[in-house]
Amino acid sequence: MLGIQRLILAFLLCFEYQICQCSGFLYEEYYWQDFEGEVPFNALAGGKDATGKPIYIGQVLIGGKLLPAKIYVNDNKAYYTWGYEMSTTVDVKILCTEHPERFTWIPTKKDEIHKLINQRLVKGGWEPSYDLYIGRAFYNLQTLVGRIRVFGNPVSNLGLYISADGKEVILDSFEILAHAAEVNGSDIRYCGRRFVILQQ
């Protein structure tokens, strides 16, 4: 009996040690990294400018709101909309991932977002009364990223807000960013170790 108690105690101590050695049990396959003017190698591109260069997905904290933004290569600013196009270099993050192949853009409309119940939509922020998701649309020879404002009621969804030529543009039809789990398995991360459980 004493041997079993020692075995259980050893297991619990080992388990506690593992908890202390990691920052959490589950890790997302994407994350928001601080943006300090240089696009990291694993940043997720969401669009293209008129010359074909990538536009990256950013996020800014402004006046108690967390808003999706767009980030251009060789530009230290993040561009977002709030009535018109604005920019900042303060409190900016950029969306990063090791698995860009697991992201998809789903065509939809502002009053049809609620039909995407089997999709894992990527949240891009928050503002009072609205959840914000990442969206994009082709506009003025560019594929521009922006924020999709979603309310609990489909008729109150406000569409995709993008910035173009210094103005805020609101679109009813757009693409929304979704993340898919690993095909043929469930990807579980435990204290930095990756486990894949294959489904039969």
Protein backbone atom coordinates (compact mmCIF):
# COMPACT_ATOMS: atom_id res chain seq x y z
CA MET A 1 0.00 0.00 0.00
CA LEU A 2 2.83 2.37 0.85
CA GLY A 3 4.35 1.76 -2.61
CA ILE A 4 1.13 2.88 -4.35
CA GLN A 5 0.97 6.04 -2.22
CA ARG A 6 4.58 6.88 -3.15
CA LEU A 7 3.81 6.26 -6.82
CA ILE A 8 0.78 8.57 -6.68
CA LEU A 9 2.80 11.24 -4.83
CA ALA A 10 5.61 11.00 -7.40
CA PHE A 11 3.06 11.34 -10.22
CA LEU A 12 1.47 14.42 -8.62
CA LEU A 13 4.84 16.07 -8.05
CA CYS A 14 5.84 15.39 -11.64
CA PHE A 15 2.50 16.74 -12.86
CA GLU A 16 2.91 19.89 -10.73
CA TYR A 17 6.43 20.35 -12.11
CA GLN A 18 5.07 20.13 -15.65
CA ILE A 19 2.45 22.77 -14.86
CA CYS A 20 5.10 25.11 -13.50
CA GLN A 21 7.29 24.60 -16.56
CA CYS A 22 4.69 25.71 -19.09
CA SER A 23 2.48 28.74 -19.47
CA GLY A 24 -0.66 26.78 -20.24
CA PHE A 25 -2.12 23.52 -21.42
CA LEU A 26 -3.55 24.49 -24.80
CA TYR A 27 -1.91 26.59 -27.46
CA GLU A 28 -3.72 28.12 -30.39
CA GLU A 29 -2.20 27.66 -33.81
CA TYR A 30 -2.31 31.40 -34.30
CA TYR A 31 -1.56 34.35 -32.06
CA TRP A 32 -1.27 38.14 -31.98
CA GLN A 33 2.36 39.27 -31.78
CA ASP A 34 3.55 42.79 -30.99
CA PHE A 35 4.25 44.73 -34.19
CA GLU A 36 7.18 47.11 -34.03
CA GLY A 37 7.52 48.11 -37.68
CA GLU A 38 8.89 44.90 -39.13
CA VAL A 39 6.66 42.10 -40.45
CA PRO A 40 7.65 38.77 -38.83
CA PHE A 41 8.38 35.78 -41.07
CA ASN A 42 5.30 33.90 -39.82
CA ALA A 43 2.78 36.74 -40.19
CA LEU A 44 -0.44 35.78 -41.96
CA ALA A 45 -1.10 37.74 -45.15
CA GLY A 46 -4.73 38.62 -45.67
CA GLY A 47 -4.72 40.67 -48.85
CA LYS A 48 -2.69 42.32 -51.60
CA ASP A 49 -2.09 45.90 -52.59
CA ALA A 50 -2.36 47.21 -56.16
CA THR A 51 1.25 46.16 -56.90
CA GLY A 52 0.69 42.59 -55.66
CA LYS A 53 2.55 42.99 -52.36
CA PRO A 54 0.96 41.30 -49.31
CA ILE A 55 -1.19 43.16 -46.82
CA TYR A 56 -1.04 41.65 -43.33
CA ILE A 57 -3.70 41.37 -40.64
CA GLY A 58 -3.16 43.71 -37.73
CA GLN A 59 -4.96 44.68 -34.56
CA VAL A 60 -4.93 48.01 -32.69
CA LEU A 61 -6.08 49.04 -29.22
CA ILE A 62 -7.76 52.43 -29.50
CA GLY A 63 -10.00 54.12 -26.93
CA GLY A 64 -11.07 50.89 -25.22
CA LYS A 65 -11.76 49.14 -28.53
CA LEU A 66 -9.70 46.33 -30.06
CA LEU A 67 -9.96 46.81 -33.83
CA PRO A 68 -8.67 44.78 -36.79
CA ALA A 69 -6.28 46.71 -39.02
CA LYS A 70 -4.13 46.32 -42.12
CA ILE A 71 -0.34 46.39 -42.18
CA TYR A 72 1.76 47.01 -45.28
CA VAL A 73 5.31 45.81 -45.92
CA ASN A 74 7.95 48.47 -45.14
CA ASP A 75 5.45 50.61 -43.23
CA ASN A 76 5.56 50.87 -39.44
CA LYS A 77 1.89 51.93 -39.16
CA ALA A 78 -1.31 49.93 -38.81
CA TYR A 79 -4.31 51.32 -40.69
CA TYR A 80 -7.84 50.98 -39.33
CA THR A 81 -11.19 52.70 -39.70
CA TRP A 82 -13.33 54.66 -37.30
CA GLY A 83 -15.43 56.97 -39.46
CA TYR A 84 -12.45 57.43 -41.79
CA GLU A 85 -9.02 55.86 -42.27
CA MET A 86 -6.72 56.29 -39.30
CA SER A 87 -3.26 54.95 -38.47
CA THR A 88 -1.14 54.29 -35.41
CA THR A 89 2.20 52.85 -34.34
CA VAL A 90 1.13 52.37 -30.70
CA ASP A 91 -0.47 49.21 -29.26
CA VAL A 92 -0.30 47.32 -32.56
CA LYS A 93 -0.28 43.54 -32.99
CA ILE A 94 0.05 41.35 -36.09
CA LEU A 95 -1.59 37.96 -36.67
CA CYS A 96 0.96 35.12 -36.86
CA THR A 97 0.80 31.37 -37.41
CA GLU A 98 3.00 28.38 -38.13
CA HIS A 99 0.20 26.86 -40.24
CA PRO A 100 -1.14 29.34 -42.82
CA GLU A 101 -2.55 26.40 -44.80
CA ARG A 102 -5.17 25.89 -42.08
CA PHE A 103 -6.85 29.22 -42.76
CA THR A 104 -9.59 29.75 -45.31
CA TRP A 105 -11.56 32.73 -46.55
CA ILE A 106 -15.29 32.04 -46.78
CA PRO A 107 -17.47 34.21 -49.05
CA THR A 108 -20.51 35.54 -47.17
CA LYS A 109 -22.79 38.53 -46.66
CA LYS A 110 -23.46 40.60 -43.56
CA ASP A 111 -26.87 39.02 -42.94
CA GLU A 112 -25.64 35.44 -43.55
CA ILE A 113 -22.78 35.19 -41.04
CA HIS A 114 -25.02 33.34 -38.58
CA LYS A 115 -25.26 30.47 -41.11
CA LEU A 116 -21.55 29.70 -40.64
CA ILE A 117 -22.20 27.70 -37.47
CA ASN A 118 -19.82 24.86 -38.37
CA GLN A 119 -16.90 27.20 -39.01
CA ARG A 120 -14.28 28.39 -36.55
CA LEU A 121 -14.27 32.09 -37.37
CA VAL A 122 -11.23 34.12 -36.32
CA LYS A 123 -12.11 36.91 -33.91
CA GLY A 124 -10.22 40.08 -34.56
CA GLY A 125 -11.29 42.24 -31.68
CA TRP A 126 -14.11 43.83 -29.76
CA GLU A 127 -16.05 47.05 -29.50
CA PRO A 128 -19.12 47.85 -27.37
CA SER A 129 -22.09 45.63 -28.37
CA TYR A 130 -20.22 43.99 -31.27
CA ASP A 131 -17.90 41.06 -31.81
CA LEU A 132 -15.34 41.79 -34.51
CA TYR A 133 -14.10 39.27 -37.04
CA ILE A 134 -11.46 39.47 -39.76
CA GLY A 135 -12.78 40.11 -43.24
CA ARG A 136 -11.52 41.10 -46.66
CA ALA A 137 -12.83 42.29 -50.00
CA PHE A 138 -11.53 43.31 -53.42
CA TYR A 139 -11.79 47.08 -53.76
CA ASN A 140 -9.93 49.58 -56.00
CA LEU A 141 -7.53 46.95 -57.39
CA GLN A 142 -6.60 45.75 -53.89
CA THR A 143 -7.72 42.95 -51.60
CA LEU A 144 -8.17 44.88 -48.36
CA VAL A 145 -8.58 43.48 -44.85
CA GLY A 146 -10.79 45.03 -42.21
CA ARG A 147 -13.29 44.42 -39.44
CA ILE A 148 -16.65 42.69 -39.65
CA ARG A 149 -19.08 43.99 -37.02
CA VAL A 150 -21.34 41.20 -35.75
CA PHE A 151 -24.23 41.69 -33.34
CA GLY A 152 -26.33 38.94 -31.75
CA ASN A 153 -29.09 39.55 -34.30
CA PRO A 154 -28.36 39.00 -38.06
CA VAL A 155 -30.30 42.11 -39.14
CA SER A 156 -28.03 44.18 -36.87
CA ASN A 157 -24.76 42.97 -38.43
CA LEU A 158 -23.13 45.98 -40.03
CA GLY A 159 -20.84 44.43 -42.66
CA LEU A 160 -17.15 44.76 -43.48
CA TYR A 161 -15.37 48.03 -42.70
CA ILE A 162 -12.25 48.66 -44.77
CA SER A 163 -10.17 51.75 -45.43
CA ALA A 164 -9.36 52.94 -48.93
CA ASP A 165 -8.00 56.28 -50.12
CA GLY A 166 -8.28 57.73 -46.62
CA LYS A 167 -11.97 56.87 -46.29
CA GLU A 168 -14.03 54.25 -44.50
CA VAL A 169 -15.89 51.93 -46.86
CA ILE A 170 -18.65 49.58 -45.65
CA LEU A 171 -19.42 46.48 -47.74
CA ASP A 172 -22.29 44.00 -47.46
CA SER A 173 -20.52 41.13 -49.31
CA PHE A 174 -17.03 39.97 -48.35
CA GLU A 175 -14.91 37.03 -47.22
CA ILE A 176 -14.52 36.10 -43.56
CA LEU A 177 -11.45 34.39 -42.11
CA ALA A 178 -11.85 30.91 -40.62
CA HIS A 179 -9.40 28.47 -39.07
CA ALA A 180 -9.60 24.72 -39.66
CA ALA A 181 -8.17 22.08 -37.35
CA GLU A 182 -5.66 19.58 -38.71
CA VAL A 183 -7.23 17.30 -41.33
CA ASN A 184 -7.75 13.67 -40.19
CA GLY A 185 -6.97 14.42 -36.59
CA SER A 186 -7.26 16.61 -33.56
CA ASP A 187 -4.20 18.65 -32.76
CA ILE A 188 -3.70 18.92 -29.00
CA ARG A 189 -0.86 20.82 -27.38
CA TYR A 190 0.12 20.06 -23.81
CA CYS A 191 2.92 22.10 -22.24
CA GLY A 192 4.62 22.69 -25.56
CA ARG A 193 4.36 19.09 -26.70
CA ARG A 194 2.20 18.32 -29.73
CA PHE A 195 -0.12 15.33 -29.86
CA VAL A 196 -2.22 14.37 -32.85
CA ILE A 197 -5.15 12.07 -32.22
CA LEU A 198 -6.22 10.39 -35.44
CA GLN A 199 -9.92 9.95 -35.91
CA GLN A 200 -11.22 6.66 -37.28
